Amino acid sequence: MALFRETADVSVRPAVAGDENAVTEVQVAAWRATGVLGEGVIAALDVPAMRARWSSAISSPPGPGFAVFVALDGPDVVGFAAVSPGQVLSLEVLPESQRAGHGSRLLAAAVDRLRSDGSETVTTWSLVDDKARAAFLESSGLGEDGRSRTLATGVREVVEHRWSAEI
């Protein structure tokens, strides 16, 4: 068995055109696995529209400071993170690939991007009942900052708390 390979087993890179399919699949699978949104919300998702939005975000970011990163396990996309100025908009990892460091690598890439764009803080949002995400964010040095918001999903309302940290 070779000690070194020509490519990394796990890595994070900027998303490229064509990644939108995997990003959408990761997002839907991760949302379904949490069980927090409920199957009604998952069933109501417009997956083709989500894919089109990810394609646009990857190919034509809406402005400075917006970026999408993907986590790779060998050649396979197993997670992604999307950032905007000062904020991690989304960070998801396939359920079967969680707890393998992909989320931490994605968060590190997101924070590096935010710092390089001049941000001094990072914020993100987490569903109130997503205990695994709360534990991940807390172990990563973020904390709830007292802000919350209610999202109308078209099926039911869900509540998120904002998490933040100085970077």
Protein backbone atom coordinates (compact mmCIF):
# COMPACT_ATOMS: atom_id res chain seq x y z
CA MET A 1 0.00 0.00 0.00
CA ALA A 2 1.41 3.37 -1.02
CA LEU A 3 2.02 5.88 1.72
CA PHE A 4 1.18 8.87 -0.50
CA ARG A 5 -1.35 9.36 -3.28
CA GLU A 6 -1.44 11.87 -6.11
CA THR A 7 -4.67 13.40 -4.79
CA ALA A 8 -5.93 14.10 -1.29
CA ASP A 9 -8.41 11.66 0.17
CA VAL A 10 -10.41 14.54 1.66
CA SER A 11 -10.33 18.19 0.72
CA VAL A 12 -12.30 21.40 0.25
CA ARG A 13 -12.32 23.46 -2.93
CA PRO A 14 -14.36 26.24 -4.50
CA ALA A 15 -17.46 24.89 -6.21
CA VAL A 16 -17.40 24.80 -10.00
CA ALA A 17 -20.08 24.53 -12.66
CA GLY A 18 -21.52 21.03 -12.49
CA ASP A 19 -21.32 20.84 -8.69
CA GLU A 20 -24.89 22.14 -8.36
CA ASN A 21 -26.32 18.62 -8.71
CA ALA A 22 -24.27 17.24 -5.84
CA VAL A 23 -24.82 20.36 -3.71
CA THR A 24 -28.58 20.03 -4.12
CA GLU A 25 -28.48 16.30 -3.31
CA VAL A 26 -26.39 16.98 -0.19
CA GLN A 27 -28.75 19.72 0.97
CA VAL A 28 -31.91 17.64 0.58
CA ALA A 29 -30.35 14.54 2.17
CA ALA A 30 -28.97 16.53 5.12
CA TRP A 31 -32.26 18.34 5.71
CA ARG A 32 -34.17 15.05 5.55
CA ALA A 33 -31.77 13.32 7.95
CA THR A 34 -32.15 15.93 10.70
CA GLY A 35 -35.86 15.16 10.93
CA VAL A 36 -36.36 18.72 12.16
CA LEU A 37 -38.15 20.12 9.11
CA GLY A 38 -40.51 17.18 8.77
CA GLU A 39 -41.24 15.09 5.71
CA GLY A 40 -44.00 17.50 4.60
CA VAL A 41 -41.49 20.31 4.15
CA ILE A 42 -39.00 18.01 2.41
CA ALA A 43 -41.70 16.69 0.04
CA ALA A 44 -42.69 20.26 -0.84
CA LEU A 45 -39.17 21.26 -1.91
CA ASP A 46 -38.82 22.35 -5.54
CA VAL A 47 -35.59 20.44 -6.19
CA PRO A 48 -35.14 21.62 -9.83
CA ALA A 49 -35.48 25.26 -8.67
CA MET A 50 -32.97 24.61 -5.87
CA ARG A 51 -30.53 23.14 -8.41
CA ALA A 52 -30.96 26.17 -10.67
CA ARG A 53 -30.31 28.56 -7.76
CA TRP A 54 -27.15 26.66 -6.80
CA SER A 55 -26.00 26.69 -10.41
CA SER A 56 -26.43 30.45 -10.51
CA ALA A 57 -24.73 30.96 -7.13
CA ILE A 58 -21.75 28.89 -8.24
CA SER A 59 -21.38 30.29 -11.76
CA SER A 60 -22.44 33.90 -11.11
CA PRO A 61 -22.20 34.83 -7.42
CA PRO A 62 -24.64 37.66 -6.62
CA GLY A 63 -21.88 39.99 -5.42
CA PRO A 64 -18.51 40.36 -3.74
CA GLY A 65 -18.00 38.10 -0.76
CA PHE A 66 -20.33 35.37 -1.97
CA ALA A 67 -18.82 31.91 -2.50
CA VAL A 68 -19.66 28.23 -2.46
CA PHE A 69 -17.19 25.57 -1.32
CA VAL A 70 -17.50 21.79 -1.60
CA ALA A 71 -16.04 19.07 0.59
CA LEU A 72 -14.64 16.08 -1.25
CA ASP A 73 -14.06 12.51 -0.18
CA GLY A 74 -11.83 11.39 -3.01
CA PRO A 75 -13.64 12.58 -6.15
CA ASP A 76 -17.09 12.71 -4.52
CA VAL A 77 -18.80 15.85 -3.21
CA VAL A 78 -19.99 15.01 0.30
CA GLY A 79 -20.72 18.50 1.65
CA PHE A 80 -20.82 22.20 0.90
CA ALA A 81 -20.75 25.62 2.49
CA ALA A 82 -22.06 28.89 1.08
CA VAL A 83 -20.90 32.27 2.41
CA SER A 84 -21.90 35.89 2.01
CA PRO A 85 -20.25 38.88 3.66
CA GLY A 86 -19.91 38.01 7.36
CA GLN A 87 -22.18 34.99 7.22
CA VAL A 88 -22.20 31.27 6.57
CA LEU A 89 -25.45 30.93 4.66
CA SER A 90 -25.46 27.16 4.54
CA LEU A 91 -23.23 24.29 5.61
CA GLU A 92 -24.39 20.73 4.99
CA VAL A 93 -22.73 17.31 4.85
CA LEU A 94 -24.22 14.03 3.65
CA PRO A 95 -25.52 12.08 6.65
CA GLU A 96 -23.27 9.10 5.94
CA SER A 97 -20.22 11.40 5.72
CA GLN A 98 -20.83 13.36 8.92
CA ARG A 99 -18.43 13.18 11.86
CA ALA A 100 -15.47 12.68 9.50
CA GLY A 101 -14.14 16.26 9.60
CA HIS A 102 -15.86 17.54 6.44
CA GLY A 103 -17.97 20.08 8.33
CA SER A 104 -14.94 21.41 10.18
CA ARG A 105 -12.96 21.73 6.95
CA LEU A 106 -15.86 23.54 5.29
CA LEU A 107 -16.28 25.90 8.24
CA ALA A 108 -12.53 26.62 8.23
CA ALA A 109 -12.64 27.44 4.50
CA ALA A 110 -15.68 29.66 5.04
CA VAL A 111 -14.05 31.54 7.92
CA ASP A 112 -10.82 31.94 5.91
CA ARG A 113 -12.87 33.50 3.09
CA LEU A 114 -14.74 35.79 5.48
CA ARG A 115 -11.47 36.95 7.06
CA SER A 116 -9.88 37.60 3.67
CA ASP A 117 -12.91 39.73 2.78
CA GLY A 118 -12.43 41.79 5.96
CA SER A 119 -15.04 40.27 8.27
CA GLU A 120 -14.30 40.31 11.98
CA THR A 121 -17.24 38.10 12.93
CA VAL A 122 -19.04 35.10 11.52
CA THR A 123 -22.75 34.42 11.90
CA THR A 124 -24.94 31.52 10.87
CA TRP A 125 -28.41 30.22 11.63
CA SER A 126 -29.51 26.87 13.05
CA LEU A 127 -32.95 25.33 13.43
CA VAL A 128 -33.96 25.35 17.09
CA ASP A 129 -34.37 21.58 17.34
CA ASP A 130 -31.23 20.62 15.40
CA LYS A 131 -29.22 19.39 18.37
CA ALA A 132 -26.40 17.94 16.25
CA ARG A 133 -25.81 21.25 14.46
CA ALA A 134 -25.93 23.15 17.75
CA ALA A 135 -23.29 20.81 19.19
CA PHE A 136 -21.13 21.24 16.07
CA LEU A 137 -21.38 25.03 16.16
CA GLU A 138 -20.65 25.17 19.88
CA SER A 139 -17.63 22.86 19.52
CA SER A 140 -16.42 25.14 16.71
CA GLY A 141 -16.42 28.18 18.97
CA LEU A 142 -19.71 29.79 17.97
CA GLY A 143 -22.46 30.65 20.43
CA GLU A 144 -26.09 31.64 20.28
CA ASP A 145 -26.31 35.43 20.31
CA GLY A 146 -29.95 35.87 21.30
CA ARG A 147 -31.37 36.55 17.83
CA SER A 148 -34.02 34.32 16.29
CA ARG A 149 -36.16 34.29 13.19
CA THR A 150 -39.20 32.41 11.97
CA LEU A 151 -39.27 31.02 8.45
CA ALA A 152 -42.46 30.21 6.59
CA THR A 153 -41.84 27.01 4.63
CA GLY A 154 -45.25 26.88 2.98
CA VAL A 155 -46.03 23.83 5.09
CA ARG A 156 -45.28 25.07 8.60
CA GLU A 157 -43.20 27.72 10.32
CA VAL A 158 -39.75 26.85 11.64
CA VAL A 159 -37.63 28.83 14.07
CA GLU A 160 -33.89 29.38 13.81
CA HIS A 161 -31.44 30.85 16.29
CA ARG A 162 -28.45 32.87 15.19
CA TRP A 163 -24.96 31.78 16.20
CA SER A 164 -21.88 33.99 16.00
CA ALA A 165 -18.23 34.33 16.90
CA GLU A 166 -15.41 36.80 16.47
CA ILE A 167 -12.89 35.67 13.89
